[in-house]
Amino acid sequence: MGRKRLFPKRNRSFAFSMGGSNTAAGPYRQNGKMAMTDLLKAEDIKKALDAFAVADSFDHRKFFELVGMRAMEADSVNKVFQALDVDASGYIEEEELKFVLKGFSEEGRDLTDAETKKFLDAADKDGDGKIGMDEFQALVHE
């Protein structure tokens, strides 16, 4: 006769944040980041990635529209920002920006150097070479 479980078995691929910058309730990946599909519809992510599958075709305005971010509340956009801020520095730096599409899905491609520069130039209003949360909010809702 086996031992009876006092607590239900949990999916070990998720952890819950107990504070810090990820304070929203809900499932988190082990790295502390919320999965994009917890924030956006998988079919919208796929549609947006497919639209920009070809190198040098990326347009951040159209991407944000296709993926459904332009209609999101500020709190939800902040959660997307936190998921894309891989090193949890509070900024999306140029190196992170190059891989931004992979932040939405592993199937996403790398941005070209020209696309990365154009995206950074569009968002970096204070000229510090990185994108802060406020700059990201403004870019998504421009």
N, C-alpha and C. Protein backbone atom coordinates (compact mmCIF):
# COMPACT_ATOMS: atom_id res chain seq x y z
N MET A 1 0.84 -1.17 0.00
CA MET A 1 0.00 0.00 0.00
C MET A 1 0.89 1.24 0.00
N GLY A 2 0.69 2.12 -0.98
CA GLY A 2 1.53 3.31 -1.11
C GLY A 2 1.08 4.44 -0.20
N ARG A 3 1.95 5.43 -0.12
CA ARG A 3 1.62 6.61 0.68
C ARG A 3 0.61 7.47 -0.06
N LYS A 4 -0.29 8.05 0.67
CA LYS A 4 -1.28 8.94 0.11
C LYS A 4 -0.68 10.34 0.00
N ARG A 5 -0.86 10.97 -1.14
CA ARG A 5 -0.35 12.34 -1.35
C ARG A 5 -1.20 13.34 -0.59
N LEU A 6 -0.56 14.21 0.14
CA LEU A 6 -1.27 15.27 0.83
C LEU A 6 -1.58 16.43 -0.10
N PHE A 7 -0.70 16.61 -1.10
CA PHE A 7 -0.87 17.69 -2.06
C PHE A 7 -0.88 17.09 -3.45
N PRO A 8 -1.63 17.70 -4.38
CA PRO A 8 -1.66 17.16 -5.73
C PRO A 8 -0.29 17.25 -6.40
N LYS A 9 -0.04 16.31 -7.28
CA LYS A 9 1.22 16.31 -8.03
C LYS A 9 1.26 17.56 -8.92
N ARG A 10 2.40 18.23 -8.95
CA ARG A 10 2.52 19.46 -9.73
C ARG A 10 3.39 19.22 -10.96
N ASN A 11 3.08 19.96 -11.98
CA ASN A 11 3.90 19.95 -13.18
C ASN A 11 5.19 20.67 -12.84
N ARG A 12 6.31 19.99 -12.87
CA ARG A 12 7.58 20.57 -12.42
C ARG A 12 8.16 21.57 -13.41
N SER A 13 7.55 21.73 -14.59
CA SER A 13 8.08 22.71 -15.54
C SER A 13 7.63 24.13 -15.20
N PHE A 14 6.78 24.27 -14.18
CA PHE A 14 6.33 25.59 -13.78
C PHE A 14 6.72 25.86 -12.34
N ALA A 15 6.93 27.11 -12.04
CA ALA A 15 7.17 27.55 -10.67
C ALA A 15 6.32 28.80 -10.47
N PHE A 16 6.13 29.22 -9.27
CA PHE A 16 5.36 30.42 -9.00
C PHE A 16 6.25 31.45 -8.36
N SER A 17 6.08 32.68 -8.80
CA SER A 17 6.87 33.78 -8.25
C SER A 17 6.29 34.19 -6.91
N MET A 18 7.16 34.47 -5.98
CA MET A 18 6.73 34.90 -4.66
C MET A 18 7.06 36.37 -4.43
N GLY A 19 7.41 37.09 -5.47
CA GLY A 19 7.73 38.51 -5.31
C GLY A 19 8.71 38.94 -6.37
N GLY A 20 9.43 39.98 -6.12
CA GLY A 20 10.38 40.50 -7.11
C GLY A 20 9.65 41.17 -8.24
N SER A 21 10.26 41.17 -9.43
CA SER A 21 9.66 41.87 -10.55
C SER A 21 8.51 41.09 -11.17
N ASN A 22 8.41 39.80 -10.93
CA ASN A 22 7.32 39.00 -11.47
C ASN A 22 6.31 38.74 -10.36
N THR A 23 5.39 39.66 -10.15
CA THR A 23 4.48 39.53 -9.03
C THR A 23 3.10 39.05 -9.43
N ALA A 24 2.83 38.92 -10.71
CA ALA A 24 1.51 38.47 -11.13
C ALA A 24 1.32 37.00 -10.80
N ALA A 25 0.12 36.65 -10.43
CA ALA A 25 -0.17 35.24 -10.13
C ALA A 25 -0.28 34.48 -11.44
N GLY A 26 0.12 33.25 -11.43
CA GLY A 26 -0.01 32.42 -12.62
C GLY A 26 1.23 31.62 -12.87
N PRO A 27 1.18 30.74 -13.88
CA PRO A 27 2.31 29.87 -14.15
C PRO A 27 3.50 30.62 -14.73
N TYR A 28 4.67 30.26 -14.26
CA TYR A 28 5.91 30.83 -14.74
C TYR A 28 6.83 29.70 -15.13
N ARG A 29 7.67 29.94 -16.11
CA ARG A 29 8.71 28.96 -16.44
C ARG A 29 9.73 28.97 -15.33
N GLN A 30 10.59 27.98 -15.32
CA GLN A 30 11.59 27.87 -14.26
C GLN A 30 12.51 29.08 -14.20
N ASN A 31 12.74 29.74 -15.32
CA ASN A 31 13.62 30.91 -15.32
C ASN A 31 12.93 32.15 -14.77
N GLY A 32 11.71 31.99 -14.26
CA GLY A 32 10.99 33.11 -13.68
C GLY A 32 10.21 33.94 -14.67
N LYS A 33 10.24 33.59 -15.93
CA LYS A 33 9.55 34.35 -16.96
C LYS A 33 8.23 33.67 -17.31
N MET A 34 7.22 34.47 -17.53
CA MET A 34 5.93 33.95 -17.96
C MET A 34 6.04 33.54 -19.43
N ALA A 35 5.42 32.44 -19.79
CA ALA A 35 5.41 32.00 -21.18
C ALA A 35 4.57 32.97 -22.01
N MET A 36 5.02 33.27 -23.22
CA MET A 36 4.30 34.20 -24.09
C MET A 36 2.87 33.72 -24.36
N THR A 37 2.68 32.41 -24.44
CA THR A 37 1.34 31.89 -24.70
C THR A 37 0.41 32.05 -23.50
N ASP A 38 0.95 32.45 -22.35
CA ASP A 38 0.11 32.81 -21.21
C ASP A 38 -0.39 34.25 -21.37
N LEU A 39 0.25 35.01 -22.25
CA LEU A 39 -0.08 36.41 -22.44
C LEU A 39 -0.77 36.69 -23.77
N LEU A 40 -0.40 35.91 -24.79
CA LEU A 40 -0.89 36.11 -26.15
C LEU A 40 -1.40 34.79 -26.72
N LYS A 41 -2.26 34.88 -27.71
CA LYS A 41 -2.78 33.67 -28.35
C LYS A 41 -1.72 33.05 -29.24
N ALA A 42 -1.55 31.75 -29.13
CA ALA A 42 -0.54 31.03 -29.92
C ALA A 42 -0.76 31.25 -31.42
N GLU A 43 -2.01 31.27 -31.85
CA GLU A 43 -2.28 31.46 -33.29
C GLU A 43 -1.91 32.86 -33.75
N ASP A 44 -2.05 33.87 -32.87
CA ASP A 44 -1.63 35.23 -33.24
C ASP A 44 -0.11 35.33 -33.31
N ILE A 45 0.57 34.66 -32.40
CA ILE A 45 2.03 34.64 -32.43
C ILE A 45 2.52 34.01 -33.73
N LYS A 46 1.94 32.86 -34.08
CA LYS A 46 2.34 32.17 -35.31
C LYS A 46 2.08 33.04 -36.54
N LYS A 47 0.91 33.68 -36.59
CA LYS A 47 0.55 34.54 -37.72
C LYS A 47 1.56 35.68 -37.85
N ALA A 48 1.92 36.30 -36.73
CA ALA A 48 2.86 37.41 -36.76
C ALA A 48 4.26 36.96 -37.18
N LEU A 49 4.71 35.83 -36.65
CA LEU A 49 6.03 35.31 -37.02
C LEU A 49 6.07 34.92 -38.50
N ASP A 50 5.01 34.31 -38.98
CA ASP A 50 4.94 33.92 -40.40
C ASP A 50 4.99 35.14 -41.31
N ALA A 51 4.38 36.24 -40.88
CA ALA A 51 4.36 37.46 -41.69
C ALA A 51 5.75 38.06 -41.86
N PHE A 52 6.65 37.75 -40.93
CA PHE A 52 8.00 38.32 -40.98
C PHE A 52 9.09 37.25 -41.03
N ALA A 53 8.78 36.14 -41.67
CA ALA A 53 9.71 35.02 -41.75
C ALA A 53 10.93 35.34 -42.63
N VAL A 54 10.76 36.25 -43.56
CA VAL A 54 11.84 36.61 -44.48
C VAL A 54 12.72 37.69 -43.85
N ALA A 55 14.03 37.51 -43.97
CA ALA A 55 14.99 38.49 -43.43
C ALA A 55 14.72 39.87 -44.00
N ASP A 56 14.91 40.89 -43.18
CA ASP A 56 14.73 42.30 -43.53
C ASP A 56 13.29 42.68 -43.85
N SER A 57 12.33 41.89 -43.34
CA SER A 57 10.91 42.22 -43.54
C SER A 57 10.23 42.72 -42.27
N PHE A 58 10.95 42.73 -41.14
CA PHE A 58 10.33 43.04 -39.85
C PHE A 58 9.87 44.48 -39.75
N ASP A 59 8.64 44.66 -39.30
CA ASP A 59 8.06 45.98 -39.04
C ASP A 59 7.41 45.88 -37.66
N HIS A 60 7.98 46.57 -36.67
CA HIS A 60 7.50 46.42 -35.29
C HIS A 60 6.04 46.83 -35.14
N ARG A 61 5.60 47.86 -35.85
CA ARG A 61 4.20 48.30 -35.73
C ARG A 61 3.25 47.21 -36.18
N LYS A 62 3.52 46.66 -37.34
CA LYS A 62 2.65 45.60 -37.86
C LYS A 62 2.75 44.34 -37.00
N PHE A 63 3.95 44.02 -36.52
CA PHE A 63 4.13 42.85 -35.66
C PHE A 63 3.28 42.98 -34.40
N PHE A 64 3.37 44.12 -33.72
CA PHE A 64 2.60 44.33 -32.49
C PHE A 64 1.10 44.24 -32.76
N GLU A 65 0.69 44.73 -33.92
CA GLU A 65 -0.73 44.64 -34.31
C GLU A 65 -1.14 43.18 -34.51
N LEU A 66 -0.37 42.44 -35.30
CA LEU A 66 -0.70 41.05 -35.61
C LEU A 66 -0.71 40.15 -34.37
N VAL A 67 0.22 40.39 -33.47
CA VAL A 67 0.34 39.53 -32.30
C VAL A 67 -0.69 39.90 -31.22
N GLY A 68 -1.36 41.04 -31.39
CA GLY A 68 -2.42 41.43 -30.47
C GLY A 68 -1.98 42.34 -29.33
N MET A 69 -0.77 42.86 -29.40
CA MET A 69 -0.25 43.68 -28.29
C MET A 69 -0.80 45.10 -28.28
N ARG A 70 -1.14 45.64 -29.43
CA ARG A 70 -1.61 47.03 -29.49
C ARG A 70 -2.91 47.22 -28.69
N ALA A 71 -3.69 46.16 -28.58
CA ALA A 71 -4.96 46.22 -27.85
C ALA A 71 -4.80 45.87 -26.37
N MET A 72 -3.61 45.50 -25.96
CA MET A 72 -3.38 45.07 -24.58
C MET A 72 -3.31 46.24 -23.61
N GLU A 73 -3.72 45.98 -22.38
CA GLU A 73 -3.58 46.95 -21.29
C GLU A 73 -2.10 47.07 -20.93
N ALA A 74 -1.75 48.18 -20.29
CA ALA A 74 -0.36 48.46 -19.94
C ALA A 74 0.26 47.35 -19.09
N ASP A 75 -0.48 46.80 -18.15
CA ASP A 75 0.04 45.75 -17.28
C ASP A 75 0.45 44.51 -18.09
N SER A 76 -0.35 44.17 -19.07
CA SER A 76 -0.03 43.00 -19.91
C SER A 76 1.18 43.27 -20.80
N VAL A 77 1.29 44.48 -21.33
CA VAL A 77 2.46 44.85 -22.13
C VAL A 77 3.72 44.79 -21.26
N ASN A 78 3.60 45.20 -20.00
CA ASN A 78 4.74 45.12 -19.09
C ASN A 78 5.17 43.67 -18.87
N LYS A 79 4.23 42.76 -18.81
CA LYS A 79 4.56 41.33 -18.66
C LYS A 79 5.28 40.81 -19.89
N VAL A 80 4.87 41.25 -21.07
CA VAL A 80 5.58 40.87 -22.30
C VAL A 80 7.00 41.42 -22.24
N PHE A 81 7.14 42.68 -21.84
CA PHE A 81 8.46 43.29 -21.70
C PHE A 81 9.34 42.45 -20.77
N GLN A 82 8.81 42.07 -19.63
CA GLN A 82 9.58 41.28 -18.67
C GLN A 82 9.99 39.93 -19.25
N ALA A 83 9.13 39.33 -20.05
CA ALA A 83 9.47 38.06 -20.69
C ALA A 83 10.59 38.24 -21.72
N LEU A 84 10.62 39.38 -22.39
CA LEU A 84 11.66 39.65 -23.40
C LEU A 84 12.97 40.13 -22.79
N ASP A 85 12.91 40.64 -21.58
CA ASP A 85 14.11 41.12 -20.87
C ASP A 85 14.81 39.90 -20.28
N VAL A 86 15.55 39.21 -21.10
CA VAL A 86 16.13 37.92 -20.76
C VAL A 86 17.01 37.97 -19.52
N ASP A 87 17.82 39.02 -19.38
CA ASP A 87 18.73 39.10 -18.24
C ASP A 87 18.12 39.81 -17.02
N ALA A 88 16.82 40.15 -17.12
CA ALA A 88 16.09 40.80 -16.02
C ALA A 88 16.77 42.08 -15.54
N SER A 89 17.37 42.82 -16.47
CA SER A 89 18.06 44.06 -16.12
C SER A 89 17.11 45.26 -16.03
N GLY A 90 15.89 45.08 -16.50
CA GLY A 90 14.95 46.19 -16.57
C GLY A 90 15.00 46.90 -17.91
N TYR A 91 15.82 46.37 -18.81
CA TYR A 91 15.97 46.93 -20.15
C TYR A 91 16.08 45.80 -21.17
N ILE A 92 15.65 46.10 -22.39
CA ILE A 92 15.91 45.19 -23.50
C ILE A 92 17.09 45.81 -24.25
N GLU A 93 18.24 45.16 -24.14
CA GLU A 93 19.45 45.65 -24.78
C GLU A 93 19.50 45.14 -26.22
N GLU A 94 20.43 45.69 -26.99
CA GLU A 94 20.55 45.36 -28.41
C GLU A 94 20.70 43.86 -28.64
N GLU A 95 21.50 43.18 -27.83
CA GLU A 95 21.68 41.72 -27.99
C GLU A 95 20.37 40.97 -27.77
N GLU A 96 19.59 41.39 -26.79
CA GLU A 96 18.29 40.76 -26.54
C GLU A 96 17.32 41.07 -27.68
N LEU A 97 17.40 42.28 -28.21
CA LEU A 97 16.51 42.71 -29.28
C LEU A 97 16.71 41.89 -30.55
N LYS A 98 17.94 41.53 -30.82
CA LYS A 98 18.25 40.72 -32.00
C LYS A 98 17.47 39.40 -31.99
N PHE A 99 17.20 38.87 -30.80
CA PHE A 99 16.51 37.58 -30.66
C PHE A 99 15.07 37.74 -30.19
N VAL A 100 14.50 38.94 -30.36
CA VAL A 100 13.18 39.24 -29.83
C VAL A 100 12.09 38.31 -30.38
N LEU A 101 12.18 37.93 -31.63
CA LEU A 101 11.15 37.05 -32.20
C LEU A 101 11.18 35.67 -31.55
N LYS A 102 12.36 35.23 -31.15
CA LYS A 102 12.48 33.96 -30.43
C LYS A 102 11.88 34.07 -29.03
N GLY A 103 11.77 35.27 -28.51
CA GLY A 103 11.10 35.49 -27.24
C GLY A 103 9.61 35.22 -27.31
N PHE A 104 9.07 35.31 -28.51
CA PHE A 104 7.65 35.01 -28.71
C PHE A 104 7.43 33.54 -29.00
N SER A 105 8.40 32.91 -29.67
CA SER A 105 8.32 31.49 -29.99
C SER A 105 9.71 31.00 -30.41
N GLU A 106 10.02 29.78 -30.04
CA GLU A 106 11.32 29.20 -30.43
C GLU A 106 11.47 29.15 -31.95
N GLU A 107 10.35 29.14 -32.67
CA GLU A 107 10.40 29.10 -34.14
C GLU A 107 10.73 30.46 -34.75
N GLY A 108 10.74 31.52 -33.93
CA GLY A 108 11.05 32.84 -34.45
C GLY A 108 12.49 32.92 -34.96
N ARG A 109 12.72 33.77 -35.94
CA ARG A 109 14.06 33.94 -36.50
C ARG A 109 14.78 35.07 -35.77
N ASP A 110 16.07 35.15 -35.98
CA ASP A 110 16.86 36.28 -35.47
C ASP A 110 16.60 37.49 -36.37
N LEU A 111 16.54 38.66 -35.78
CA LEU A 111 16.46 39.87 -36.60
C LEU A 111 17.83 40.10 -37.22
N THR A 112 17.83 40.68 -38.40
CA THR A 112 19.11 41.06 -39.02
C THR A 112 19.67 42.25 -38.25
N ASP A 113 20.93 42.56 -38.49
CA ASP A 113 21.54 43.71 -37.83
C ASP A 113 20.80 45.00 -38.19
N ALA A 114 20.39 45.12 -39.45
CA ALA A 114 19.66 46.32 -39.89
C ALA A 114 18.30 46.41 -39.20
N GLU A 115 17.58 45.29 -39.09
CA GLU A 115 16.28 45.28 -38.42
C GLU A 115 16.43 45.61 -36.93
N THR A 116 17.47 45.06 -36.31
CA THR A 116 17.72 45.31 -34.90
C THR A 116 17.98 46.79 -34.67
N LYS A 117 18.82 47.39 -35.50
CA LYS A 117 19.16 48.81 -35.36
C LYS A 117 17.91 49.68 -35.57
N LYS A 118 17.13 49.36 -36.59
CA LYS A 118 15.91 50.14 -36.86
C LYS A 118 14.93 50.03 -35.70
N PHE A 119 14.76 48.84 -35.14
CA PHE A 119 13.86 48.61 -34.00
C PHE A 119 14.36 49.40 -32.78
N LEU A 120 15.65 49.31 -32.51
CA LEU A 120 16.24 50.02 -31.37
C LEU A 120 16.10 51.53 -31.55
N ASP A 121 16.38 52.02 -32.74
CA ASP A 121 16.27 53.47 -33.00
C ASP A 121 14.83 53.96 -32.81
N ALA A 122 13.85 53.14 -33.20
CA ALA A 122 12.44 53.52 -33.06
C ALA A 122 12.02 53.60 -31.59
N ALA A 123 12.59 52.75 -30.75
CA ALA A 123 12.15 52.65 -29.36
C ALA A 123 12.98 53.48 -28.38
N ASP A 124 14.27 53.60 -28.63
CA ASP A 124 15.20 54.21 -27.67
C ASP A 124 15.13 55.73 -27.73
N LYS A 125 14.15 56.29 -27.04
CA LYS A 125 13.92 57.74 -27.09
C LYS A 125 14.93 58.54 -26.28
N ASP A 126 15.53 57.93 -25.25
CA ASP A 126 16.50 58.69 -24.44
C ASP A 126 17.94 58.49 -24.89
N GLY A 127 18.15 57.68 -25.93
CA GLY A 127 19.47 57.52 -26.51
C GLY A 127 20.48 56.74 -25.69
N ASP A 128 20.03 55.92 -24.74
CA ASP A 128 20.98 55.18 -23.91
C ASP A 128 21.37 53.82 -24.50
N GLY A 129 20.85 53.50 -25.68
CA GLY A 129 21.24 52.27 -26.35
C GLY A 129 20.48 51.04 -25.89
N LYS A 130 19.40 51.24 -25.15
CA LYS A 130 18.58 50.13 -24.68
C LYS A 130 17.14 50.61 -24.54
N ILE A 131 16.21 49.65 -24.41
CA ILE A 131 14.79 49.98 -24.35
C ILE A 131 14.28 49.73 -22.93
N GLY A 132 13.81 50.78 -22.29
CA GLY A 132 13.20 50.66 -20.97
C GLY A 132 11.73 50.30 -21.10
N MET A 133 11.11 49.96 -19.99
CA MET A 133 9.71 49.57 -20.00
C MET A 133 8.80 50.67 -20.54
N ASP A 134 9.05 51.92 -20.14
CA ASP A 134 8.23 53.04 -20.63
C ASP A 134 8.39 53.22 -22.13
N GLU A 135 9.61 53.07 -22.63
CA GLU A 135 9.86 53.19 -24.06
C GLU A 135 9.16 52.07 -24.81
N PHE A 136 9.18 50.86 -24.25
CA PHE A 136 8.52 49.72 -24.87
C PHE A 136 7.01 49.95 -24.92
N GLN A 137 6.44 50.44 -23.81
CA GLN A 137 5.00 50.76 -23.76
C GLN A 137 4.65 51.75 -24.88
N ALA A 138 5.43 52.81 -24.99
CA ALA A 138 5.16 53.85 -26.00
C ALA A 138 5.27 53.27 -27.40
N LEU A 139 6.24 52.42 -27.63
CA LEU A 139 6.43 51.83 -28.95
C LEU A 139 5.25 50.94 -29.33
N VAL A 140 4.82 50.12 -28.40
CA VAL A 140 3.69 49.21 -28.67
C VAL A 140 2.42 49.99 -28.99
N HIS A 141 2.19 51.08 -28.29
CA HIS A 141 0.94 51.83 -28.45
C HIS A 141 1.05 53.06 -29.35
N GLU A 142 2.15 53.20 -30.09
CA GLU A 142 2.29 54.38 -30.96
C GLU A 142 1.33 54.32 -32.13
